[in-house]
Amino acid sequence: MLGDILAWLADHPGTFETAASRHLALSVTALAAAMALALPLALVLVRWHRAAGPAIAAVNVLRTIPSLALLAAILPLLGTGFLPSVIALTLYGLPAILINTHTALREVDPDVRALVHLANVDRELHFSANWGRIEKPLRPYKAVLEGKAP
């Protein structure tokens, strides 16, 4: 069977390259879209604890929907092709990225947060937006990583 697959690939390299490039473009696009939605939402949810539970529960519902059912639901609205596939894959990527990012940000050691504030590196470790200050505790303090005293 493996020999048949390799023989087909050798006989049809253009078909395989086209399909592989489409698949790669689809996957990268959906991953980028899921990250663009989930990462900022996780940052907001770390600050707004009350909204975190309902938001994560709502996104977690996406895990329960079978992929074929989601594509079938999107089909009448958007038809077939690249865009509906990107939307479906983006929706499937959201729960994992959002939950893991939210957990990682929430679980930063309080001593690390205190070090960030004591080291007076607010400009590097925080940014401001219209909704207020959102902490970005995962950007490491350069001197600590280099082994130098702050």
Foldseek 3Di string as FASTA:
>chain_A
DVVVVVVVCVVCVPVVVVVVVLVVVLVVLLLVLLCVPQQVVLLVCLVVVVVVVVVLVVLVVLVVDDLVNQLVVCCVVPNDDRVSSSVSSNSVSNNVSNVVNNVVVNPDDVVLVVVCVVVPPCVVQWDADPVGIGGRSPPDDVCVVVVHDD
